[in-house]
Amino acid sequence: MARIFNTSDDRETKDVCLRSIAQVGTDEACEFVLDVMRSNTGGFGSKERQFLQDNAQERMLSALSRNYEHEPDKDLRRFLGGLLETIRKT
């Protein structure tokens, strides 16, 4: 999915790839989606947040924690904190 995302020029294809990657729910998948959010590739941002929110799971905790601790962007840090809180409550 990451390879398809990186090589495709089609926005819909990229959205499907990111949604699928977020659904995997691993640390690596979470890191990939966060990297796309940070680079804001092709106007992405709010969709990635929604993909992560919809698929937040315990397997993402260490990636989210690491990124939360080192995130300089206040809005993204707040978002990550909210995801961490949501996952820990379940």
N, C-alpha and C. Protein backbone atom coordinates (compact mmCIF):
# COMPACT_ATOMS: atom_id res chain seq x y z
N MET A 1 0.81 -1.19 0.00
CA MET A 1 0.00 0.00 0.00
C MET A 1 0.86 1.26 0.00
N ALA A 2 1.92 1.25 0.79
CA ALA A 2 2.80 2.43 0.85
C ALA A 2 3.44 2.69 -0.51
N ARG A 3 3.84 1.62 -1.18
CA ARG A 3 4.45 1.78 -2.50
C ARG A 3 3.44 2.37 -3.49
N ILE A 4 2.22 1.87 -3.46
CA ILE A 4 1.18 2.40 -4.35
C ILE A 4 0.92 3.87 -4.03
N PHE A 5 0.82 4.19 -2.73
CA PHE A 5 0.61 5.58 -2.32
C PHE A 5 1.71 6.48 -2.88
N ASN A 6 2.95 6.04 -2.72
CA ASN A 6 4.09 6.86 -3.12
C ASN A 6 4.24 7.01 -4.63
N THR A 7 3.72 6.07 -5.40
CA THR A 7 3.90 6.14 -6.85
C THR A 7 2.66 6.65 -7.59
N SER A 8 1.53 6.70 -6.94
CA SER A 8 0.30 7.12 -7.60
C SER A 8 0.15 8.64 -7.63
N ASP A 9 -0.45 9.12 -8.69
CA ASP A 9 -0.79 10.54 -8.79
C ASP A 9 -2.27 10.78 -8.56
N ASP A 10 -3.03 9.70 -8.43
CA ASP A 10 -4.47 9.79 -8.28
C ASP A 10 -4.86 9.98 -6.81
N ARG A 11 -5.56 11.05 -6.52
CA ARG A 11 -5.93 11.39 -5.13
C ARG A 11 -6.79 10.31 -4.48
N GLU A 12 -7.74 9.77 -5.24
CA GLU A 12 -8.62 8.74 -4.69
C GLU A 12 -7.83 7.48 -4.34
N THR A 13 -6.90 7.11 -5.18
CA THR A 13 -6.04 5.95 -4.91
C THR A 13 -5.23 6.19 -3.65
N LYS A 14 -4.68 7.38 -3.51
CA LYS A 14 -3.90 7.71 -2.32
C LYS A 14 -4.77 7.63 -1.06
N ASP A 15 -6.01 8.12 -1.14
CA ASP A 15 -6.92 8.05 0.00
C ASP A 15 -7.19 6.61 0.41
N VAL A 16 -7.45 5.76 -0.57
CA VAL A 16 -7.73 4.35 -0.28
C VAL A 16 -6.51 3.70 0.35
N CYS A 17 -5.34 4.00 -0.16
CA CYS A 17 -4.10 3.44 0.41
C CYS A 17 -3.92 3.88 1.86
N LEU A 18 -4.09 5.16 2.13
CA LEU A 18 -3.90 5.65 3.51
C LEU A 18 -4.94 5.07 4.46
N ARG A 19 -6.17 4.95 3.99
CA ARG A 19 -7.21 4.35 4.84
C ARG A 19 -6.83 2.90 5.16
N SER A 20 -6.38 2.18 4.16
CA SER A 20 -5.99 0.78 4.36
C SER A 20 -4.79 0.67 5.29
N ILE A 21 -3.82 1.54 5.13
CA ILE A 21 -2.64 1.53 5.99
C ILE A 21 -3.05 1.82 7.44
N ALA A 22 -3.92 2.80 7.64
CA ALA A 22 -4.39 3.12 8.99
C ALA A 22 -5.13 1.94 9.61
N GLN A 23 -5.87 1.20 8.80
CA GLN A 23 -6.62 0.05 9.31
C GLN A 23 -5.70 -1.07 9.78
N VAL A 24 -4.50 -1.15 9.23
CA VAL A 24 -3.54 -2.16 9.67
C VAL A 24 -3.25 -1.98 11.15
N GLY A 25 -3.09 -0.72 11.57
CA GLY A 25 -2.99 -0.40 12.99
C GLY A 25 -1.69 -0.74 13.67
N THR A 26 -0.65 -1.03 12.93
CA THR A 26 0.64 -1.31 13.56
C THR A 26 1.39 -0.01 13.80
N ASP A 27 2.48 -0.10 14.56
CA ASP A 27 3.34 1.07 14.77
C ASP A 27 3.82 1.63 13.44
N GLU A 28 4.26 0.74 12.56
CA GLU A 28 4.79 1.18 11.27
C GLU A 28 3.72 1.88 10.44
N ALA A 29 2.52 1.33 10.46
CA ALA A 29 1.42 1.94 9.70
C ALA A 29 1.09 3.32 10.26
N CYS A 30 1.05 3.42 11.57
CA CYS A 30 0.78 4.70 12.22
C CYS A 30 1.86 5.72 11.87
N GLU A 31 3.11 5.31 11.93
CA GLU A 31 4.23 6.20 11.57
C GLU A 31 4.10 6.70 10.13
N PHE A 32 3.72 5.82 9.23
CA PHE A 32 3.58 6.20 7.83
C PHE A 32 2.52 7.28 7.67
N VAL A 33 1.36 7.06 8.28
CA VAL A 33 0.27 8.04 8.17
C VAL A 33 0.67 9.37 8.80
N LEU A 34 1.35 9.31 9.93
CA LEU A 34 1.82 10.55 10.56
C LEU A 34 2.83 11.28 9.69
N ASP A 35 3.71 10.53 9.04
CA ASP A 35 4.69 11.16 8.13
C ASP A 35 3.99 11.86 6.98
N VAL A 36 2.95 11.24 6.45
CA VAL A 36 2.19 11.87 5.36
C VAL A 36 1.52 13.15 5.88
N MET A 37 0.97 13.08 7.09
CA MET A 37 0.34 14.27 7.68
C MET A 37 1.34 15.41 7.81
N ARG A 38 2.53 15.07 8.28
CA ARG A 38 3.55 16.10 8.48
C ARG A 38 4.03 16.70 7.17
N SER A 39 4.16 15.89 6.17
CA SER A 39 4.65 16.39 4.88
C SER A 39 3.53 17.06 4.09
N ASN A 40 2.28 16.81 4.51
CA ASN A 40 1.11 17.39 3.86
C ASN A 40 1.14 17.16 2.35
N THR A 41 1.50 15.96 1.95
CA THR A 41 1.60 15.57 0.55
C THR A 41 0.26 15.73 -0.15
N GLY A 42 0.22 16.60 -1.12
CA GLY A 42 -0.98 16.76 -1.94
C GLY A 42 -2.19 17.26 -1.19
N GLY A 43 -1.98 18.07 -0.17
CA GLY A 43 -3.12 18.63 0.54
C GLY A 43 -3.74 17.70 1.56
N PHE A 44 -3.05 16.65 1.93
CA PHE A 44 -3.57 15.74 2.94
C PHE A 44 -3.46 16.38 4.31
N GLY A 45 -4.13 15.85 5.27
CA GLY A 45 -4.06 16.36 6.64
C GLY A 45 -5.27 15.92 7.43
N SER A 46 -6.42 16.50 7.12
CA SER A 46 -7.62 16.16 7.89
C SER A 46 -8.08 14.73 7.63
N LYS A 47 -7.87 14.24 6.42
CA LYS A 47 -8.28 12.85 6.14
C LYS A 47 -7.43 11.87 6.93
N GLU A 48 -6.13 12.13 7.03
CA GLU A 48 -5.28 11.23 7.80
C GLU A 48 -5.68 11.22 9.26
N ARG A 49 -6.01 12.38 9.78
CA ARG A 49 -6.47 12.44 11.18
C ARG A 49 -7.71 11.57 11.36
N GLN A 50 -8.62 11.68 10.42
CA GLN A 50 -9.85 10.88 10.51
C GLN A 50 -9.55 9.40 10.39
N PHE A 51 -8.65 9.04 9.47
CA PHE A 51 -8.28 7.62 9.32
C PHE A 51 -7.68 7.08 10.62
N LEU A 52 -6.82 7.85 11.26
CA LEU A 52 -6.23 7.40 12.52
C LEU A 52 -7.27 7.33 13.63
N GLN A 53 -8.15 8.32 13.69
CA GLN A 53 -9.20 8.30 14.72
C GLN A 53 -10.12 7.10 14.54
N ASP A 54 -10.50 6.83 13.31
CA ASP A 54 -11.41 5.71 13.04
C ASP A 54 -10.78 4.36 13.31
N ASN A 55 -9.47 4.29 13.28
CA ASN A 55 -8.78 3.00 13.41
C ASN A 55 -7.82 2.95 14.58
N ALA A 56 -7.99 3.85 15.54
CA ALA A 56 -7.10 3.89 16.71
C ALA A 56 -7.19 2.58 17.47
N GLN A 57 -6.03 1.99 17.75
CA GLN A 57 -5.99 0.72 18.46
C GLN A 57 -4.71 0.59 19.27
N GLU A 58 -4.74 -0.34 20.18
CA GLU A 58 -3.64 -0.50 21.14
C GLU A 58 -2.29 -0.73 20.47
N ARG A 59 -2.28 -1.38 19.32
CA ARG A 59 -1.01 -1.65 18.63
C ARG A 59 -0.31 -0.37 18.17
N MET A 60 -1.01 0.74 18.17
CA MET A 60 -0.44 2.02 17.76
C MET A 60 0.17 2.80 18.93
N LEU A 61 -0.03 2.33 20.14
CA LEU A 61 0.34 3.10 21.33
C LEU A 61 1.80 3.55 21.35
N SER A 62 2.72 2.68 21.04
CA SER A 62 4.12 3.11 21.17
C SER A 62 4.48 4.13 20.10
N ALA A 63 3.97 3.99 18.88
CA ALA A 63 4.24 5.01 17.84
C ALA A 63 3.61 6.34 18.23
N LEU A 64 2.40 6.30 18.73
CA LEU A 64 1.73 7.53 19.12
C LEU A 64 2.45 8.19 20.30
N SER A 65 2.86 7.39 21.28
CA SER A 65 3.58 7.92 22.44
C SER A 65 4.89 8.57 22.04
N ARG A 66 5.66 7.87 21.20
CA ARG A 66 6.94 8.42 20.73
C ARG A 66 6.74 9.74 20.01
N ASN A 67 5.76 9.77 19.12
CA ASN A 67 5.52 10.98 18.34
C ASN A 67 4.96 12.10 19.21
N TYR A 68 4.13 11.75 20.17
CA TYR A 68 3.58 12.75 21.08
C TYR A 68 4.70 13.44 21.85
N GLU A 69 5.63 12.67 22.35
CA GLU A 69 6.72 13.22 23.17
C GLU A 69 7.62 14.18 22.40
N HIS A 70 7.77 13.98 21.12
CA HIS A 70 8.73 14.76 20.33
C HIS A 70 8.07 15.69 19.31
N GLU A 71 6.76 15.78 19.32
CA GLU A 71 6.05 16.57 18.31
C GLU A 71 6.13 18.07 18.62
N PRO A 72 6.72 18.86 17.71
CA PRO A 72 6.81 20.30 17.95
C PRO A 72 5.53 21.06 17.60
N ASP A 73 4.72 20.50 16.70
CA ASP A 73 3.48 21.17 16.28
C ASP A 73 2.42 20.98 17.36
N LYS A 74 1.94 22.09 17.94
CA LYS A 74 1.00 22.02 19.07
C LYS A 74 -0.31 21.35 18.70
N ASP A 75 -0.84 21.64 17.51
CA ASP A 75 -2.11 21.04 17.10
C ASP A 75 -1.98 19.53 16.91
N LEU A 76 -0.90 19.12 16.27
CA LEU A 76 -0.69 17.69 16.06
C LEU A 76 -0.42 17.00 17.39
N ARG A 77 0.30 17.64 18.27
CA ARG A 77 0.56 17.08 19.60
C ARG A 77 -0.75 16.89 20.37
N ARG A 78 -1.63 17.86 20.30
CA ARG A 78 -2.94 17.75 20.96
C ARG A 78 -3.75 16.59 20.37
N PHE A 79 -3.71 16.47 19.04
CA PHE A 79 -4.41 15.38 18.36
C PHE A 79 -3.86 14.02 18.84
N LEU A 80 -2.54 13.90 18.87
CA LEU A 80 -1.92 12.66 19.31
C LEU A 80 -2.29 12.34 20.76
N GLY A 81 -2.31 13.36 21.61
CA GLY A 81 -2.70 13.17 22.99
C GLY A 81 -4.13 12.66 23.11
N GLY A 82 -5.01 13.20 22.27
CA GLY A 82 -6.39 12.73 22.27
C GLY A 82 -6.51 11.29 21.83
N LEU A 83 -5.74 10.92 20.82
CA LEU A 83 -5.75 9.52 20.37
C LEU A 83 -5.24 8.59 21.47
N LEU A 84 -4.15 9.00 22.11
CA LEU A 84 -3.60 8.18 23.20
C LEU A 84 -4.63 7.99 24.31
N GLU A 85 -5.30 9.05 24.66
CA GLU A 85 -6.32 8.97 25.71
C GLU A 85 -7.47 8.05 25.31
N THR A 86 -7.91 8.18 24.07
CA THR A 86 -9.00 7.34 23.56
C THR A 86 -8.62 5.86 23.60
N ILE A 87 -7.43 5.54 23.14
CA ILE A 87 -6.99 4.14 23.11
C ILE A 87 -6.84 3.59 24.52
N ARG A 88 -6.30 4.38 25.41
CA ARG A 88 -6.07 3.90 26.78
C ARG A 88 -7.39 3.67 27.54
N LYS A 89 -8.43 4.36 27.13
CA LYS A 89 -9.74 4.19 27.79
C LYS A 89 -10.41 2.89 27.37
N THR A 90 -10.04 2.39 26.21
CA THR A 90 -10.73 1.17 25.73
C THR A 90 -10.12 -0.09 26.26
